[in-house]
Structure formats: structure tokens, C-alpha cells
Amino acid sequence: NTCMDSARQAKPRVAINDVPLQAQSSNQEEEISREQTARSVQAALSGL
């Protein structure tokens, strides 16, 4: 109830933007890819 009430009263919130990141190695690229995927999933969930 509190989440729904707050959402109705709040201004639209800005979605998370995917910030381009520079990769220096394969491990960093994988980590960046995971972070970007997590942000995309969170943004999609928040968009429901």
C-alpha cells in the first residue's frame, strides 16, 4: 500500500541510463556486461 500510494503521489522518476564504460580486459568486459545487463533488467522491472 505504501509503495503504491507513494508511486501515485510521486513525479515520474528518471530511468537508469546505461553509462558507457571503457573495458581494459576480458574480465572487465564480462563484469561490465553483467552490470549493464543488471541495469537493463532493473530498468525493465521498474518500467512495469
ModelCIF file with pLDDT and N, C-alpha, C, O atoms, coordinates in Angstrom:
data_MODEL
#
_entry.id   MODEL 
#
_entity.id                         1 
_entity.type                       polymer 
_entity.pdbx_number_of_molecules   1 
#
_entity_poly.entity_id                      1 
_entity_poly.type                           'polypeptide(L)' 
_entity_poly.nstd_linkage                   no 
_entity_poly.nstd_monomer                   no 
_entity_poly.pdbx_seq_one_letter_code       NTCMDSARQAKPRVAINDVPLQAQSSNQEEEISREQTARSVQAALSGL 
_entity_poly.pdbx_seq_one_letter_code_can   NTCMDSARQAKPRVAINDVPLQAQSSNQEEEISREQTARSVQAALSGL 
_entity_poly.pdbx_strand_id                 A 
#
loop_
_entity_poly_seq.entity_id 
_entity_poly_seq.num 
_entity_poly_seq.mon_id 
_entity_poly_seq.hetero 
1 1  ASN n 
1 2  THR n 
1 3  CYS n 
1 4  MET n 
1 5  ASP n 
1 6  SER n 
1 7  ALA n 
1 8  ARG n 
1 9  GLN n 
1 10 ALA n 
1 11 LYS n 
1 12 PRO n 
1 13 ARG n 
1 14 VAL n 
1 15 ALA n 
1 16 ILE n 
1 17 ASN n 
1 18 ASP n 
1 19 VAL n 
1 20 PRO n 
1 21 LEU n 
1 22 GLN n 
1 23 ALA n 
1 24 GLN n 
1 25 SER n 
1 26 SER n 
1 27 ASN n 
1 28 GLN n 
1 29 GLU n 
1 30 GLU n 
1 31 GLU n 
1 32 ILE n 
1 33 SER n 
1 34 ARG n 
1 35 GLU n 
1 36 GLN n 
1 37 THR n 
1 38 ALA n 
1 39 ARG n 
1 40 SER n 
1 41 VAL n 
1 42 GLN n 
1 43 ALA n 
1 44 ALA n 
1 45 LEU n 
1 46 SER n 
1 47 GLY n 
1 48 LEU n 
#
_struct_asym.id          A 
_struct_asym.entity_id   1 
#
loop_
_ma_qa_metric.id 
_ma_qa_metric.mode 
_ma_qa_metric.name 
_ma_qa_metric.software_group_id 
_ma_qa_metric.type 
1 global pLDDT . pLDDT 
2 local  pLDDT . pLDDT 
#
_ma_qa_metric_global.metric_id      1 
_ma_qa_metric_global.metric_value   70.00 
_ma_qa_metric_global.model_id       1 
_ma_qa_metric_global.ordinal_id     1 
#
loop_
_ma_qa_metric_local.label_asym_id 
_ma_qa_metric_local.label_comp_id 
_ma_qa_metric_local.label_seq_id 
_ma_qa_metric_local.metric_id 
_ma_qa_metric_local.metric_value 
_ma_qa_metric_local.model_id 
_ma_qa_metric_local.ordinal_id 
A ASN 1  2 90.00 1 1  
A THR 2  2 93.00 1 2  
A CYS 3  2 91.00 1 3  
A MET 4  2 89.00 1 4  
A ASP 5  2 89.00 1 5  
A SER 6  2 88.00 1 6  
A ALA 7  2 84.00 1 7  
A ARG 8  2 83.00 1 8  
A GLN 9  2 82.00 1 9  
A ALA 10 2 66.00 1 10 
A LYS 11 2 56.00 1 11 
A PRO 12 2 52.00 1 12 
A ARG 13 2 46.00 1 13 
A VAL 14 2 44.00 1 14 
A ALA 15 2 43.00 1 15 
A ILE 16 2 44.00 1 16 
A ASN 17 2 44.00 1 17 
A ASP 18 2 42.00 1 18 
A VAL 19 2 43.00 1 19 
A PRO 20 2 47.00 1 20 
A LEU 21 2 44.00 1 21 
A GLN 22 2 46.00 1 22 
A ALA 23 2 42.00 1 23 
A GLN 24 2 47.00 1 24 
A SER 25 2 54.00 1 25 
A SER 26 2 63.00 1 26 
A ASN 27 2 78.00 1 27 
A GLN 28 2 79.00 1 28 
A GLU 29 2 79.00 1 29 
A GLU 30 2 78.00 1 30 
A GLU 31 2 77.00 1 31 
A ILE 32 2 81.00 1 32 
A SER 33 2 76.00 1 33 
A ARG 34 2 77.00 1 34 
A GLU 35 2 79.00 1 35 
A GLN 36 2 78.00 1 36 
A THR 37 2 76.00 1 37 
A ALA 38 2 77.00 1 38 
A ARG 39 2 79.00 1 39 
A SER 40 2 79.00 1 40 
A VAL 41 2 79.00 1 41 
A GLN 42 2 79.00 1 42 
A ALA 43 2 80.00 1 43 
A ALA 44 2 82.00 1 44 
A LEU 45 2 84.00 1 45 
A SER 46 2 80.00 1 46 
A GLY 47 2 84.00 1 47 
A LEU 48 2 87.00 1 48 
#
loop_
_atom_site.group_PDB 
_atom_site.id 
_atom_site.type_symbol 
_atom_site.label_atom_id 
_atom_site.label_alt_id 
_atom_site.label_comp_id 
_atom_site.label_asym_id 
_atom_site.label_entity_id 
_atom_site.label_seq_id 
_atom_site.pdbx_PDB_ins_code 
_atom_site.Cartn_x 
_atom_site.Cartn_y 
_atom_site.Cartn_z 
_atom_site.occupancy 
_atom_site.B_iso_or_equiv 
_atom_site.pdbx_formal_charge 
_atom_site.auth_seq_id 
_atom_site.auth_comp_id 
_atom_site.auth_asym_id 
_atom_site.auth_atom_id 
_atom_site.pdbx_PDB_model_num 
ATOM 1   N N  . ASN A 1 1  ? 0.823  -1.217 0.000   1.00 90.00 ? 1  ASN A N  1 
ATOM 2   C CA . ASN A 1 1  ? 0.000  0.000  0.000   1.00 90.00 ? 1  ASN A CA 1 
ATOM 3   C C  . ASN A 1 1  ? 0.853  1.262  0.000   1.00 90.00 ? 1  ASN A C  1 
ATOM 4   O O  . ASN A 1 1  ? 0.556  2.214  -0.721  1.00 90.00 ? 1  ASN A O  1 
ATOM 5   N N  . THR A 1 2  ? 1.900  1.273  0.796   1.00 93.00 ? 2  THR A N  1 
ATOM 6   C CA . THR A 1 2  ? 2.752  2.456  0.883   1.00 93.00 ? 2  THR A CA 1 
ATOM 7   C C  . THR A 1 2  ? 3.500  2.694  -0.427  1.00 93.00 ? 2  THR A C  1 
ATOM 8   O O  . THR A 1 2  ? 3.619  3.835  -0.873  1.00 93.00 ? 2  THR A O  1 
ATOM 9   N N  . CYS A 1 3  ? 4.001  1.630  -1.042  1.00 91.00 ? 3  CYS A N  1 
ATOM 10  C CA . CYS A 1 3  ? 4.668  1.781  -2.352  1.00 91.00 ? 3  CYS A CA 1 
ATOM 11  C C  . CYS A 1 3  ? 3.694  2.322  -3.394  1.00 91.00 ? 3  CYS A C  1 
ATOM 12  O O  . CYS A 1 3  ? 4.023  3.236  -4.149  1.00 91.00 ? 3  CYS A O  1 
ATOM 13  N N  . MET A 1 4  ? 2.498  1.750  -3.427  1.00 89.00 ? 4  MET A N  1 
ATOM 14  C CA . MET A 1 4  ? 1.505  2.192  -4.418  1.00 89.00 ? 4  MET A CA 1 
ATOM 15  C C  . MET A 1 4  ? 1.099  3.645  -4.170  1.00 89.00 ? 4  MET A C  1 
ATOM 16  O O  . MET A 1 4  ? 1.002  4.429  -5.114  1.00 89.00 ? 4  MET A O  1 
ATOM 17  N N  . ASP A 1 5  ? 0.863  4.009  -2.911  1.00 89.00 ? 5  ASP A N  1 
ATOM 18  C CA . ASP A 1 5  ? 0.495  5.387  -2.586  1.00 89.00 ? 5  ASP A CA 1 
ATOM 19  C C  . ASP A 1 5  ? 1.604  6.353  -2.968  1.00 89.00 ? 5  ASP A C  1 
ATOM 20  O O  . ASP A 1 5  ? 1.342  7.406  -3.550  1.00 89.00 ? 5  ASP A O  1 
ATOM 21  N N  . SER A 1 6  ? 2.836  6.000  -2.643  1.00 88.00 ? 6  SER A N  1 
ATOM 22  C CA . SER A 1 6  ? 3.974  6.874  -2.968  1.00 88.00 ? 6  SER A CA 1 
ATOM 23  C C  . SER A 1 6  ? 4.159  7.006  -4.470  1.00 88.00 ? 6  SER A C  1 
ATOM 24  O O  . SER A 1 6  ? 4.491  8.085  -4.961  1.00 88.00 ? 6  SER A O  1 
ATOM 25  N N  . ALA A 1 7  ? 3.949  5.924  -5.202  1.00 84.00 ? 7  ALA A N  1 
ATOM 26  C CA . ALA A 1 7  ? 4.088  5.974  -6.665  1.00 84.00 ? 7  ALA A CA 1 
ATOM 27  C C  . ALA A 1 7  ? 3.027  6.889  -7.279  1.00 84.00 ? 7  ALA A C  1 
ATOM 28  O O  . ALA A 1 7  ? 3.302  7.618  -8.231  1.00 84.00 ? 7  ALA A O  1 
ATOM 29  N N  . ARG A 1 8  ? 1.826  6.843  -6.732  1.00 83.00 ? 8  ARG A N  1 
ATOM 30  C CA . ARG A 1 8  ? 0.759  7.715  -7.258  1.00 83.00 ? 8  ARG A CA 1 
ATOM 31  C C  . ARG A 1 8  ? 1.054  9.185  -6.987  1.00 83.00 ? 8  ARG A C  1 
ATOM 32  O O  . ARG A 1 8  ? 0.726  10.047 -7.802  1.00 83.00 ? 8  ARG A O  1 
ATOM 33  N N  . GLN A 1 9  ? 1.670  9.468  -5.852  1.00 82.00 ? 9  GLN A N  1 
ATOM 34  C CA . GLN A 1 9  ? 1.919  10.854 -5.450  1.00 82.00 ? 9  GLN A CA 1 
ATOM 35  C C  . GLN A 1 9  ? 3.206  11.422 -6.037  1.00 82.00 ? 9  GLN A C  1 
ATOM 36  O O  . GLN A 1 9  ? 3.357  12.639 -6.141  1.00 82.00 ? 9  GLN A O  1 
ATOM 37  N N  . ALA A 1 10 ? 4.129  10.554 -6.417  1.00 66.00 ? 10 ALA A N  1 
ATOM 38  C CA . ALA A 1 10 ? 5.444  11.000 -6.868  1.00 66.00 ? 10 ALA A CA 1 
ATOM 39  C C  . ALA A 1 10 ? 5.424  11.440 -8.316  1.00 66.00 ? 10 ALA A C  1 
ATOM 40  O O  . ALA A 1 10 ? 4.587  11.018 -9.114  1.00 66.00 ? 10 ALA A O  1 
ATOM 41  N N  . LYS A 1 11 ? 6.366  12.292 -8.622  1.00 56.00 ? 11 LYS A N  1 
ATOM 42  C CA . LYS A 1 11 ? 6.603  12.657 -10.016 1.00 56.00 ? 11 LYS A CA 1 
ATOM 43  C C  . LYS A 1 11 ? 7.239  11.453 -10.697 1.00 56.00 ? 11 LYS A C  1 
ATOM 44  O O  . LYS A 1 11 ? 7.850  10.619 -10.030 1.00 56.00 ? 11 LYS A O  1 
ATOM 45  N N  . PRO A 1 12 ? 7.105  11.352 -12.021 1.00 52.00 ? 12 PRO A N  1 
ATOM 46  C CA . PRO A 1 12 ? 7.779  10.246 -12.715 1.00 52.00 ? 12 PRO A CA 1 
ATOM 47  C C  . PRO A 1 12 ? 9.282  10.286 -12.448 1.00 52.00 ? 12 PRO A C  1 
ATOM 48  O O  . PRO A 1 12 ? 9.907  11.345 -12.488 1.00 52.00 ? 12 PRO A O  1 
ATOM 49  N N  . ARG A 1 13 ? 9.831  9.144  -12.184 1.00 46.00 ? 13 ARG A N  1 
ATOM 50  C CA . ARG A 1 13 ? 11.262 9.058  -11.874 1.00 46.00 ? 13 ARG A CA 1 
ATOM 51  C C  . ARG A 1 13 ? 12.042 8.765  -13.150 1.00 46.00 ? 13 ARG A C  1 
ATOM 52  O O  . ARG A 1 13 ? 11.540 8.126  -14.074 1.00 46.00 ? 13 ARG A O  1 
ATOM 53  N N  . VAL A 1 14 ? 13.260 9.240  -13.178 1.00 44.00 ? 14 VAL A N  1 
ATOM 54  C CA . VAL A 1 14 ? 14.132 9.041  -14.325 1.00 44.00 ? 14 VAL A CA 1 
ATOM 55  C C  . VAL A 1 14 ? 14.634 7.597  -14.315 1.00 44.00 ? 14 VAL A C  1 
ATOM 56  O O  . VAL A 1 14 ? 15.077 7.090  -13.284 1.00 44.00 ? 14 VAL A O  1 
ATOM 57  N N  . ALA A 1 15 ? 14.559 6.951  -15.460 1.00 43.00 ? 15 ALA A N  1 
ATOM 58  C CA . ALA A 1 15 ? 15.037 5.569  -15.575 1.00 43.00 ? 15 ALA A CA 1 
ATOM 59  C C  . ALA A 1 15 ? 16.548 5.544  -15.504 1.00 43.00 ? 15 ALA A C  1 
ATOM 60  O O  . ALA A 1 15 ? 17.211 6.538  -15.801 1.00 43.00 ? 15 ALA A O  1 
ATOM 61  N N  . ILE A 1 16 ? 17.079 4.425  -15.117 1.00 44.00 ? 16 ILE A N  1 
ATOM 62  C CA . ILE A 1 16 ? 18.533 4.263  -15.067 1.00 44.00 ? 16 ILE A CA 1 
ATOM 63  C C  . ILE A 1 16 ? 19.076 4.295  -16.486 1.00 44.00 ? 16 ILE A C  1 
ATOM 64  O O  . ILE A 1 16 ? 18.590 3.583  -17.364 1.00 44.00 ? 16 ILE A O  1 
ATOM 65  N N  . ASN A 1 17 ? 20.075 5.115  -16.700 1.00 44.00 ? 17 ASN A N  1 
ATOM 66  C CA . ASN A 1 17 ? 20.709 5.202  -18.020 1.00 44.00 ? 17 ASN A CA 1 
ATOM 67  C C  . ASN A 1 17 ? 21.919 4.290  -18.053 1.00 44.00 ? 17 ASN A C  1 
ATOM 68  O O  . ASN A 1 17 ? 22.678 4.203  -17.088 1.00 44.00 ? 17 ASN A O  1 
ATOM 69  N N  . ASP A 1 18 ? 22.084 3.619  -19.165 1.00 42.00 ? 18 ASP A N  1 
ATOM 70  C CA . ASP A 1 18 ? 23.275 2.801  -19.334 1.00 42.00 ? 18 ASP A CA 1 
ATOM 71  C C  . ASP A 1 18 ? 24.439 3.720  -19.671 1.00 42.00 ? 18 ASP A C  1 
ATOM 72  O O  . ASP A 1 18 ? 24.462 4.356  -20.724 1.00 42.00 ? 18 ASP A O  1 
ATOM 73  N N  . VAL A 1 19 ? 25.400 3.778  -18.763 1.00 43.00 ? 19 VAL A N  1 
ATOM 74  C CA . VAL A 1 19 ? 26.562 4.627  -18.959 1.00 43.00 ? 19 VAL A CA 1 
ATOM 75  C C  . VAL A 1 19 ? 27.632 3.813  -19.660 1.00 43.00 ? 19 VAL A C  1 
ATOM 76  O O  . VAL A 1 19 ? 28.020 2.752  -19.171 1.00 43.00 ? 19 VAL A O  1 
ATOM 77  N N  . PRO A 1 20 ? 28.121 4.297  -20.812 1.00 47.00 ? 20 PRO A N  1 
ATOM 78  C CA . PRO A 1 20 ? 29.168 3.537  -21.494 1.00 47.00 ? 20 PRO A CA 1 
ATOM 79  C C  . PRO A 1 20 ? 30.433 3.488  -20.633 1.00 47.00 ? 20 PRO A C  1 
ATOM 80  O O  . PRO A 1 20 ? 30.868 4.504  -20.091 1.00 47.00 ? 20 PRO A O  1 
ATOM 81  N N  . LEU A 1 21 ? 30.999 2.325  -20.519 1.00 44.00 ? 21 LEU A N  1 
ATOM 82  C CA . LEU A 1 21 ? 32.199 2.149  -19.715 1.00 44.00 ? 21 LEU A CA 1 
ATOM 83  C C  . LEU A 1 21 ? 33.319 1.614  -20.606 1.00 44.00 ? 21 LEU A C  1 
ATOM 84  O O  . LEU A 1 21 ? 33.064 0.877  -21.558 1.00 44.00 ? 21 LEU A O  1 
ATOM 85  N N  . GLN A 1 22 ? 34.544 1.985  -20.293 1.00 46.00 ? 22 GLN A N  1 
ATOM 86  C CA . GLN A 1 22 ? 35.703 1.523  -21.054 1.00 46.00 ? 22 GLN A CA 1 
ATOM 87  C C  . GLN A 1 22 ? 36.221 0.226  -20.444 1.00 46.00 ? 22 GLN A C  1 
ATOM 88  O O  . GLN A 1 22 ? 36.418 0.145  -19.232 1.00 46.00 ? 22 GLN A O  1 
ATOM 89  N N  . ALA A 1 23 ? 36.438 -0.768 -21.261 1.00 42.00 ? 23 ALA A N  1 
ATOM 90  C CA . ALA A 1 23 ? 36.949 -2.048 -20.787 1.00 42.00 ? 23 ALA A CA 1 
ATOM 91  C C  . ALA A 1 23 ? 38.429 -2.161 -21.120 1.00 42.00 ? 23 ALA A C  1 
ATOM 92  O O  . ALA A 1 23 ? 38.875 -1.733 -22.184 1.00 42.00 ? 23 ALA A O  1 
ATOM 93  N N  . GLN A 1 24 ? 39.182 -2.744 -20.192 1.00 47.00 ? 24 GLN A N  1 
ATOM 94  C CA . GLN A 1 24 ? 40.606 -2.918 -20.435 1.00 47.00 ? 24 GLN A CA 1 
ATOM 95  C C  . GLN A 1 24 ? 40.988 -4.389 -20.563 1.00 47.00 ? 24 GLN A C  1 
ATOM 96  O O  . GLN A 1 24 ? 42.057 -4.703 -21.088 1.00 47.00 ? 24 GLN A O  1 
ATOM 97  N N  . SER A 1 25 ? 40.136 -5.290 -20.093 1.00 54.00 ? 25 SER A N  1 
ATOM 98  C CA . SER A 1 25 ? 40.475 -6.705 -20.206 1.00 54.00 ? 25 SER A CA 1 
ATOM 99  C C  . SER A 1 25 ? 39.200 -7.516 -20.386 1.00 54.00 ? 25 SER A C  1 
ATOM 100 O O  . SER A 1 25 ? 38.092 -6.991 -20.268 1.00 54.00 ? 25 SER A O  1 
ATOM 101 N N  . SER A 1 26 ? 39.370 -8.787 -20.670 1.00 63.00 ? 26 SER A N  1 
ATOM 102 C CA . SER A 1 26 ? 38.241 -9.681 -20.870 1.00 63.00 ? 26 SER A CA 1 
ATOM 103 C C  . SER A 1 26 ? 37.400 -9.781 -19.601 1.00 63.00 ? 26 SER A C  1 
ATOM 104 O O  . SER A 1 26 ? 36.172 -9.751 -19.676 1.00 63.00 ? 26 SER A O  1 
ATOM 105 N N  . ASN A 1 27 ? 38.044 -9.901 -18.429 1.00 78.00 ? 27 ASN A N  1 
ATOM 106 C CA . ASN A 1 27 ? 37.310 -9.979 -17.169 1.00 78.00 ? 27 ASN A CA 1 
ATOM 107 C C  . ASN A 1 27 ? 36.524 -8.699 -16.912 1.00 78.00 ? 27 ASN A C  1 
ATOM 108 O O  . ASN A 1 27 ? 35.380 -8.744 -16.460 1.00 78.00 ? 27 ASN A O  1 
ATOM 109 N N  . GLN A 1 28 ? 37.133 -7.579 -17.197 1.00 79.00 ? 28 GLN A N  1 
ATOM 110 C CA . GLN A 1 28 ? 36.435 -6.309 -17.009 1.00 79.00 ? 28 GLN A CA 1 
ATOM 111 C C  . GLN A 1 28 ? 35.259 -6.198 -17.981 1.00 79.00 ? 28 GLN A C  1 
ATOM 112 O O  . GLN A 1 28 ? 34.199 -5.683 -17.626 1.00 79.00 ? 28 GLN A O  1 
ATOM 113 N N  . GLU A 1 29 ? 35.454 -6.684 -19.212 1.00 79.00 ? 29 GLU A N  1 
ATOM 114 C CA . GLU A 1 29 ? 34.365 -6.654 -20.181 1.00 79.00 ? 29 GLU A CA 1 
ATOM 115 C C  . GLU A 1 29 ? 33.194 -7.498 -19.710 1.00 79.00 ? 29 GLU A C  1 
ATOM 116 O O  . GLU A 1 29 ? 32.037 -7.099 -19.845 1.00 79.00 ? 29 GLU A O  1 
ATOM 117 N N  . GLU A 1 30 ? 33.500 -8.675 -19.154 1.00 78.00 ? 30 GLU A N  1 
ATOM 118 C CA . GLU A 1 30 ? 32.436 -9.537 -18.640 1.00 78.00 ? 30 GLU A CA 1 
ATOM 119 C C  . GLU A 1 30 ? 31.718 -8.873 -17.474 1.00 78.00 ? 30 GLU A C  1 
ATOM 120 O O  . GLU A 1 30 ? 30.490 -8.920 -17.392 1.00 78.00 ? 30 GLU A O  1 
ATOM 121 N N  . GLU A 1 31 ? 32.471 -8.260 -16.580 1.00 77.00 ? 31 GLU A N  1 
ATOM 122 C CA . GLU A 1 31 ? 31.867 -7.573 -15.425 1.00 77.00 ? 31 GLU A CA 1 
ATOM 123 C C  . GLU A 1 31 ? 31.005 -6.398 -15.893 1.00 77.00 ? 31 GLU A C  1 
ATOM 124 O O  . GLU A 1 31 ? 29.902 -6.195 -15.384 1.00 77.00 ? 31 GLU A O  1 
ATOM 125 N N  . ILE A 1 32 ? 31.498 -5.639 -16.845 1.00 81.00 ? 32 ILE A N  1 
ATOM 126 C CA . ILE A 1 32 ? 30.738 -4.512 -17.384 1.00 81.00 ? 32 ILE A CA 1 
ATOM 127 C C  . ILE A 1 32 ? 29.462 -5.014 -18.053 1.00 81.00 ? 32 ILE A C  1 
ATOM 128 O O  . ILE A 1 32 ? 28.394 -4.423 -17.898 1.00 81.00 ? 32 ILE A O  1 
ATOM 129 N N  . SER A 1 33 ? 29.586 -6.103 -18.793 1.00 76.00 ? 33 SER A N  1 
ATOM 130 C CA . SER A 1 33 ? 28.417 -6.686 -19.446 1.00 76.00 ? 33 SER A CA 1 
ATOM 131 C C  . SER A 1 33 ? 27.381 -7.130 -18.415 1.00 76.00 ? 33 SER A C  1 
ATOM 132 O O  . SER A 1 33 ? 26.187 -6.891 -18.595 1.00 76.00 ? 33 SER A O  1 
ATOM 133 N N  . ARG A 1 34 ? 27.832 -7.779 -17.329 1.00 77.00 ? 34 ARG A N  1 
ATOM 134 C CA . ARG A 1 34 ? 26.911 -8.195 -16.259 1.00 77.00 ? 34 ARG A CA 1 
ATOM 135 C C  . ARG A 1 34 ? 26.235 -6.988 -15.618 1.00 77.00 ? 34 ARG A C  1 
ATOM 136 O O  . ARG A 1 34 ? 25.032 -7.014 -15.358 1.00 77.00 ? 34 ARG A O  1 
ATOM 137 N N  . GLU A 1 35 ? 27.002 -5.935 -15.364 1.00 79.00 ? 35 GLU A N  1 
ATOM 138 C CA . GLU A 1 35 ? 26.443 -4.732 -14.744 1.00 79.00 ? 35 GLU A CA 1 
ATOM 139 C C  . GLU A 1 35 ? 25.415 -4.074 -15.661 1.00 79.00 ? 35 GLU A C  1 
ATOM 140 O O  . GLU A 1 35 ? 24.358 -3.640 -15.204 1.00 79.00 ? 35 GLU A O  1 
ATOM 141 N N  . GLN A 1 36 ? 25.726 -4.003 -16.948 1.00 78.00 ? 36 GLN A N  1 
ATOM 142 C CA . GLN A 1 36 ? 24.789 -3.409 -17.892 1.00 78.00 ? 36 GLN A CA 1 
ATOM 143 C C  . GLN A 1 36 ? 23.524 -4.252 -18.013 1.00 78.00 ? 36 GLN A C  1 
ATOM 144 O O  . GLN A 1 36 ? 22.422 -3.712 -18.117 1.00 78.00 ? 36 GLN A O  1 
ATOM 145 N N  . THR A 1 37 ? 23.681 -5.576 -17.999 1.00 76.00 ? 37 THR A N  1 
ATOM 146 C CA . THR A 1 37 ? 22.513 -6.466 -18.036 1.00 76.00 ? 37 THR A CA 1 
ATOM 147 C C  . THR A 1 37 ? 21.672 -6.266 -16.784 1.00 76.00 ? 37 THR A C  1 
ATOM 148 O O  . THR A 1 37 ? 20.447 -6.174 -16.867 1.00 76.00 ? 37 THR A O  1 
ATOM 149 N N  . ALA A 1 38 ? 22.322 -6.198 -15.621 1.00 77.00 ? 38 ALA A N  1 
ATOM 150 C CA . ALA A 1 38 ? 21.583 -5.989 -14.364 1.00 77.00 ? 38 ALA A CA 1 
ATOM 151 C C  . ALA A 1 38 ? 20.832 -4.659 -14.400 1.00 77.00 ? 38 ALA A C  1 
ATOM 152 O O  . ALA A 1 38 ? 19.684 -4.590 -13.960 1.00 77.00 ? 38 ALA A O  1 
ATOM 153 N N  . ARG A 1 39 ? 21.458 -3.610 -14.913 1.00 79.00 ? 39 ARG A N  1 
ATOM 154 C CA . ARG A 1 39 ? 20.784 -2.308 -15.007 1.00 79.00 ? 39 ARG A CA 1 
ATOM 155 C C  . ARG A 1 39 ? 19.604 -2.390 -15.962 1.00 79.00 ? 39 ARG A C  1 
ATOM 156 O O  . ARG A 1 39 ? 18.554 -1.797 -15.713 1.00 79.00 ? 39 ARG A O  1 
ATOM 157 N N  . SER A 1 40 ? 19.775 -3.122 -17.051 1.00 79.00 ? 40 SER A N  1 
ATOM 158 C CA . SER A 1 40 ? 18.683 -3.276 -18.022 1.00 79.00 ? 40 SER A CA 1 
ATOM 159 C C  . SER A 1 40 ? 17.508 -4.039 -17.410 1.00 79.00 ? 40 SER A C  1 
ATOM 160 O O  . SER A 1 40 ? 16.350 -3.672 -17.610 1.00 79.00 ? 40 SER A O  1 
ATOM 161 N N  . VAL A 1 41 ? 17.814 -5.104 -16.661 1.00 79.00 ? 41 VAL A N  1 
ATOM 162 C CA . VAL A 1 41 ? 16.756 -5.875 -16.008 1.00 79.00 ? 41 VAL A CA 1 
ATOM 163 C C  . VAL A 1 41 ? 16.047 -5.002 -14.975 1.00 79.00 ? 41 VAL A C  1 
ATOM 164 O O  . VAL A 1 41 ? 14.818 -4.993 -14.893 1.00 79.00 ? 41 VAL A O  1 
ATOM 165 N N  . GLN A 1 42 ? 16.834 -4.269 -14.188 1.00 79.00 ? 42 GLN A N  1 
ATOM 166 C CA . GLN A 1 42 ? 16.237 -3.389 -13.181 1.00 79.00 ? 42 GLN A CA 1 
ATOM 167 C C  . GLN A 1 42 ? 15.364 -2.319 -13.845 1.00 79.00 ? 42 GLN A C  1 
ATOM 168 O O  . GLN A 1 42 ? 14.270 -2.023 -13.365 1.00 79.00 ? 42 GLN A O  1 
ATOM 169 N N  . ALA A 1 43 ? 15.842 -1.751 -14.932 1.00 80.00 ? 43 ALA A N  1 
ATOM 170 C CA . ALA A 1 43 ? 15.060 -0.732 -15.632 1.00 80.00 ? 43 ALA A CA 1 
ATOM 171 C C  . ALA A 1 43 ? 13.780 -1.331 -16.212 1.00 80.00 ? 43 ALA A C  1 
ATOM 172 O O  . ALA A 1 43 ? 12.723 -0.702 -16.163 1.00 80.00 ? 43 ALA A O  1 
ATOM 173 N N  . ALA A 1 44 ? 13.871 -2.540 -16.761 1.00 82.00 ? 44 ALA A N  1 
ATOM 174 C CA . ALA A 1 44 ? 12.676 -3.198 -17.312 1.00 82.00 ? 44 ALA A CA 1 
ATOM 175 C C  . ALA A 1 44 ? 11.679 -3.502 -16.203 1.00 82.00 ? 44 ALA A C  1 
ATOM 176 O O  . ALA A 1 44 ? 10.477 -3.297 -16.369 1.00 82.00 ? 44 ALA A O  1 
ATOM 177 N N  . LEU A 1 45 ? 12.169 -3.982 -15.094 1.00 84.00 ? 45 LEU A N  1 
ATOM 178 C CA . LEU A 1 45 ? 11.300 -4.264 -13.954 1.00 84.00 ? 45 LEU A CA 1 
ATOM 179 C C  . LEU A 1 45 ? 10.654 -2.984 -13.445 1.00 84.00 ? 45 LEU A C  1 
ATOM 180 O O  . LEU A 1 45 ? 9.460  -2.962 -13.148 1.00 84.00 ? 45 LEU A O  1 
ATOM 181 N N  . SER A 1 46 ? 11.428 -1.938 -13.345 1.00 80.00 ? 46 SER A N  1 
ATOM 182 C CA . SER A 1 46 ? 10.893 -0.655 -12.881 1.00 80.00 ? 46 SER A CA 1 
ATOM 183 C C  . SER A 1 46 ? 9.918  -0.049 -13.874 1.00 80.00 ? 46 SER A C  1 
ATOM 184 O O  . SER A 1 46 ? 9.063  0.753  -13.500 1.00 80.00 ? 46 SER A O  1 
ATOM 185 N N  . GLY A 1 47 ? 10.044 -0.430 -15.138 1.00 84.00 ? 47 GLY A N  1 
ATOM 186 C CA . GLY A 1 47 ? 9.134  0.080  -16.159 1.00 84.00 ? 47 GLY A CA 1 
ATOM 187 C C  . GLY A 1 47 ? 7.774  -0.592 -16.163 1.00 84.00 ? 47 GLY A C  1 
ATOM 188 O O  . GLY A 1 47 ? 6.844  -0.118 -16.815 1.00 84.00 ? 47 GLY A O  1 
ATOM 189 N N  . LEU A 1 48 ? 7.654  -1.703 -15.432 1.00 87.00 ? 48 LEU A N  1 
ATOM 190 C CA . LEU A 1 48 ? 6.351  -2.362 -15.345 1.00 87.00 ? 48 LEU A CA 1 
ATOM 191 C C  . LEU A 1 48 ? 5.375  -1.492 -14.563 1.00 87.00 ? 48 LEU A C  1 
ATOM 192 O O  . LEU A 1 48 ? 4.219  -1.873 -14.380 1.00 87.00 ? 48 LEU A O  1 
#
